[in-house]
Amino acid sequence: MLTRRRFLVTTAIAAAGFAVLASFPGLAFAQEPAATVDEAELLKPGVLPDMALGNPDAKVKIVEYMSMTCSHCADFHNKTFDEIKAKYIDTGKIYFIVREFPLDPLAAAGFMLARNAPGDKYFDVVSYLFKTQSQWAFVDDPLSGLRNVSKQFGYSPSTFEATLTDQKLLDDINATRQHGADAFGITGTPTFFINGKREVGFMSVDEMSAQIDPLL
């Protein structure tokens, strides 16, 4: 299913003139990922600035690797994240970092729009993309869906095209994805690291709170 969708998405984007997104690297995994990772290594800056919310000095630091076309990621951000944000991020108890791990070219395009959104609206764009995922990620004309999203955040036709043909930004997003795979064994999304402890898949408010509260 993913392979077929990747093909359709790649074809749609390339046909629209954004062939730069048609080249999408695969990943190879050598071994089963560890249950925990070195948190100091995890928090080192990458080729792109981390997108983060909350208090950098908080006791609890959460890193989420996600894909914009992942339905489980959308479920987390639509059903869990706002309450976690109000309960822990806005109160300074946790520092929450998002990192890009696109599963296909369309997900990469979504991240590119979020990164380049006028007015530093990364998290606003991500939230909107997840809330409207069915309207752009799983349709016959995904490019038009993304174009409609971009209009909500101040993109003009020219800046939209410039963003989706920004080879440097695409390379950096793919490098972030590759580093997540190579250094931390990311094999799917969402993958969370809570003070270095790996949790894979959708987490409810109660499930995430149960991991956070003992660390505070």
Protein backbone atom coordinates (compact mmCIF):
# COMPACT_ATOMS: atom_id res chain seq x y z
CA MET A 1 0.00 0.00 0.00
CA LEU A 2 2.77 2.41 0.92
CA THR A 3 4.75 1.46 -2.18
CA ARG A 4 1.79 2.13 -4.45
CA ARG A 5 1.05 5.44 -2.74
CA ARG A 6 4.70 6.47 -3.02
CA PHE A 7 4.56 5.77 -6.73
CA LEU A 8 1.36 7.75 -7.23
CA VAL A 9 2.60 10.67 -5.17
CA THR A 10 5.97 10.78 -6.90
CA THR A 11 4.30 10.66 -10.31
CA ALA A 12 1.87 13.44 -9.42
CA ILE A 13 4.59 15.74 -8.13
CA ALA A 14 6.96 15.05 -11.03
CA ALA A 15 4.18 15.59 -13.57
CA ALA A 16 3.46 18.97 -12.01
CA GLY A 17 7.03 20.08 -12.58
CA PHE A 18 8.47 19.39 -9.15
CA ALA A 19 10.66 16.50 -10.25
CA VAL A 20 13.18 17.31 -7.51
CA LEU A 21 10.93 15.41 -5.11
CA ALA A 22 10.83 12.33 -7.31
CA SER A 23 14.22 11.19 -6.09
CA PHE A 24 13.61 9.76 -2.65
CA PRO A 25 16.24 7.69 -0.85
CA GLY A 26 15.48 4.35 0.69
CA LEU A 27 16.64 3.22 4.10
CA ALA A 28 18.45 0.11 5.24
CA PHE A 29 18.39 -1.17 8.81
CA ALA A 30 21.16 -3.34 10.17
CA GLN A 31 19.72 -4.47 13.51
CA GLU A 32 16.84 -4.24 15.93
CA PRO A 33 16.80 -0.74 17.48
CA ALA A 34 17.72 -0.39 21.16
CA ALA A 35 15.07 0.36 23.78
CA THR A 36 17.01 3.46 24.83
CA VAL A 37 19.48 5.77 23.13
CA ASP A 38 22.17 8.12 24.37
CA GLU A 39 20.21 11.28 25.16
CA ALA A 40 23.23 13.55 24.72
CA GLU A 41 23.68 12.20 21.18
CA LEU A 42 19.95 12.44 20.52
CA LEU A 43 19.86 16.12 21.46
CA LYS A 44 22.85 17.17 19.35
CA PRO A 45 21.93 19.69 16.62
CA GLY A 46 21.48 18.32 13.14
CA VAL A 47 21.70 19.86 9.69
CA LEU A 48 18.39 21.63 10.30
CA PRO A 49 17.50 23.59 13.44
CA ASP A 50 15.27 21.55 15.72
CA MET A 51 11.65 22.62 15.84
CA ALA A 52 10.82 22.63 19.53
CA LEU A 53 8.35 23.88 22.09
CA GLY A 54 8.68 24.41 25.84
CA ASN A 55 11.51 24.87 28.29
CA PRO A 56 14.93 23.71 27.02
CA ASP A 57 15.98 23.20 30.65
CA ALA A 58 13.01 21.00 31.53
CA LYS A 59 13.67 17.69 33.30
CA VAL A 60 11.88 15.77 30.59
CA LYS A 61 12.80 16.05 26.93
CA ILE A 62 10.74 14.34 24.24
CA VAL A 63 11.87 13.92 20.65
CA GLU A 64 9.28 12.80 18.10
CA TYR A 65 10.25 11.53 14.65
CA MET A 66 7.18 11.86 12.44
CA SER A 67 5.91 11.82 8.88
CA MET A 68 3.24 14.16 7.53
CA THR A 69 1.54 11.31 5.62
CA CYS A 70 1.48 8.94 8.61
CA SER A 71 -2.07 8.41 9.90
CA HIS A 72 -0.76 7.37 13.34
CA CYS A 73 1.19 10.63 13.57
CA ALA A 74 -1.97 12.52 12.63
CA ASP A 75 -3.91 10.67 15.32
CA PHE A 76 -1.33 11.63 17.94
CA HIS A 77 -1.29 15.29 16.95
CA ASN A 78 -5.07 15.51 16.56
CA LYS A 79 -6.06 13.53 19.67
CA THR A 80 -3.17 13.73 22.14
CA PHE A 81 -0.75 16.54 21.48
CA ASP A 82 -2.87 19.56 22.47
CA GLU A 83 -3.56 18.13 25.92
CA ILE A 84 0.08 17.18 26.41
CA LYS A 85 1.04 20.68 25.35
CA ALA A 86 -1.32 22.31 27.85
CA LYS A 87 -0.41 19.92 30.67
CA TYR A 88 3.36 19.76 30.29
CA ILE A 89 4.83 21.95 27.55
CA ASP A 90 3.10 25.23 28.36
CA THR A 91 3.85 24.71 32.07
CA GLY A 92 7.57 24.27 31.46
CA LYS A 93 7.69 20.62 32.51
CA ILE A 94 8.85 19.18 29.21
CA TYR A 95 10.76 20.23 26.13
CA PHE A 96 9.20 18.76 22.99
CA ILE A 97 11.24 18.44 19.80
CA VAL A 98 9.87 17.44 16.40
CA ARG A 99 12.11 15.90 13.75
CA GLU A 100 11.24 15.09 10.16
CA PHE A 101 11.13 11.47 9.04
CA PRO A 102 9.14 11.61 5.78
CA LEU A 103 7.91 8.23 4.56
CA ASP A 104 7.37 9.41 0.98
CA PRO A 105 7.91 12.46 -1.25
CA LEU A 106 4.56 14.00 -0.35
CA ALA A 107 5.45 13.96 3.34
CA ALA A 108 8.74 15.67 2.47
CA ALA A 109 6.80 18.32 0.56
CA GLY A 110 4.60 18.94 3.60
CA PHE A 111 7.64 19.42 5.80
CA MET A 112 9.15 21.81 3.24
CA LEU A 113 6.02 23.96 3.37
CA ALA A 114 6.13 23.96 7.17
CA ARG A 115 9.82 24.89 7.27
CA ASN A 116 9.42 27.78 4.81
CA ALA A 117 6.07 29.11 6.02
CA PRO A 118 6.07 32.92 6.33
CA GLY A 119 6.17 34.13 9.91
CA ASP A 120 7.80 31.08 11.50
CA LYS A 121 4.56 29.10 11.55
CA TYR A 122 6.08 25.63 11.47
CA PHE A 123 3.87 24.14 14.17
CA ASP A 124 0.76 25.88 12.82
CA VAL A 125 1.35 24.36 9.39
CA VAL A 126 2.09 20.92 10.83
CA SER A 127 -1.09 21.03 12.90
CA TYR A 128 -3.17 22.11 9.91
CA LEU A 129 -1.66 19.45 7.66
CA PHE A 130 -2.47 16.74 10.18
CA LYS A 131 -6.01 18.02 10.72
CA THR A 132 -6.63 18.09 6.96
CA GLN A 133 -4.53 15.05 6.06
CA SER A 134 -7.38 13.31 4.24
CA GLN A 135 -7.81 16.34 1.98
CA TRP A 136 -4.28 16.39 0.60
CA ALA A 137 -2.43 13.17 1.47
CA PHE A 138 -4.96 10.61 0.23
CA VAL A 139 -6.45 12.26 -2.85
CA ASP A 140 -5.95 11.93 -6.60
CA ASP A 141 -4.32 15.36 -6.89
CA PRO A 142 -2.12 15.84 -3.81
CA LEU A 143 -0.29 18.81 -5.30
CA SER A 144 -3.50 20.84 -5.51
CA GLY A 145 -4.27 19.85 -1.94
CA LEU A 146 -0.90 21.13 -0.76
CA ARG A 147 -1.31 24.28 -2.82
CA ASN A 148 -4.63 24.95 -1.06
CA VAL A 149 -2.96 24.44 2.31
CA SER A 150 -0.15 26.81 1.38
CA LYS A 151 -2.60 29.61 0.62
CA GLN A 152 -3.79 29.48 4.24
CA PHE A 153 -0.29 30.45 5.37
CA GLY A 154 0.60 33.28 3.03
CA TYR A 155 2.24 31.41 0.17
CA SER A 156 1.97 32.89 -3.30
CA PRO A 157 2.10 30.63 -6.38
CA SER A 158 5.75 31.59 -6.90
CA THR A 159 6.83 31.02 -3.29
CA PHE A 160 4.95 27.70 -3.25
CA GLU A 161 6.84 26.52 -6.32
CA ALA A 162 10.14 27.86 -5.00
CA THR A 163 9.69 25.93 -1.77
CA LEU A 164 8.87 22.64 -3.47
CA THR A 165 11.90 22.98 -5.75
CA ASP A 166 14.32 23.92 -2.96
CA GLN A 167 16.89 21.16 -3.39
CA LYS A 168 18.95 22.22 -0.35
CA LEU A 169 15.92 22.07 1.94
CA LEU A 170 14.92 18.68 0.55
CA ASP A 171 18.45 17.37 1.01
CA ASP A 172 18.51 18.59 4.62
CA ILE A 173 15.14 16.98 5.41
CA ASN A 174 16.33 13.72 3.87
CA ALA A 175 19.57 14.00 5.85
CA THR A 176 17.56 14.41 9.06
CA ARG A 177 15.59 11.30 8.14
CA GLN A 178 18.72 9.32 7.31
CA HIS A 179 20.46 10.36 10.53
CA GLY A 180 17.44 9.26 12.54
CA ALA A 181 17.64 5.86 10.89
CA ASP A 182 21.41 5.47 11.13
CA ALA A 183 22.03 6.88 14.60
CA PHE A 184 18.84 5.90 16.45
CA GLY A 185 17.36 3.04 14.47
CA ILE A 186 14.13 4.76 13.46
CA THR A 187 12.09 2.27 11.45
CA GLY A 188 8.62 3.83 11.51
CA THR A 189 6.53 6.73 12.70
CA PRO A 190 5.72 8.08 15.10
CA THR A 191 8.76 7.20 17.19
CA PHE A 192 9.15 9.03 20.50
CA PHE A 193 12.16 9.26 22.76
CA ILE A 194 11.22 10.26 26.32
CA ASN A 195 14.49 11.09 28.07
CA GLY A 196 16.08 8.67 25.63
CA LYS A 197 13.56 5.82 26.08
CA ARG A 198 12.01 4.66 22.81
CA GLU A 199 8.24 4.46 22.37
CA VAL A 200 6.87 3.54 18.94
CA GLY A 201 3.37 4.19 17.65
CA PHE A 202 0.36 6.24 18.70
CA MET A 203 0.28 7.28 22.36
CA SER A 204 -2.81 8.47 24.19
CA VAL A 205 -2.68 11.24 26.77
CA ASP A 206 -2.79 8.66 29.57
CA GLU A 207 -0.06 6.53 27.99
CA MET A 208 2.28 9.46 27.50
CA SER A 209 1.52 10.92 30.91
CA ALA A 210 2.38 7.57 32.49
CA GLN A 211 5.83 7.82 30.94
CA ILE A 212 6.34 11.49 31.83
CA ASP A 213 5.05 11.77 35.39
CA PRO A 214 7.63 9.49 37.10
CA LEU A 215 10.42 11.59 35.54
CA LEU A 216 9.22 14.91 36.95
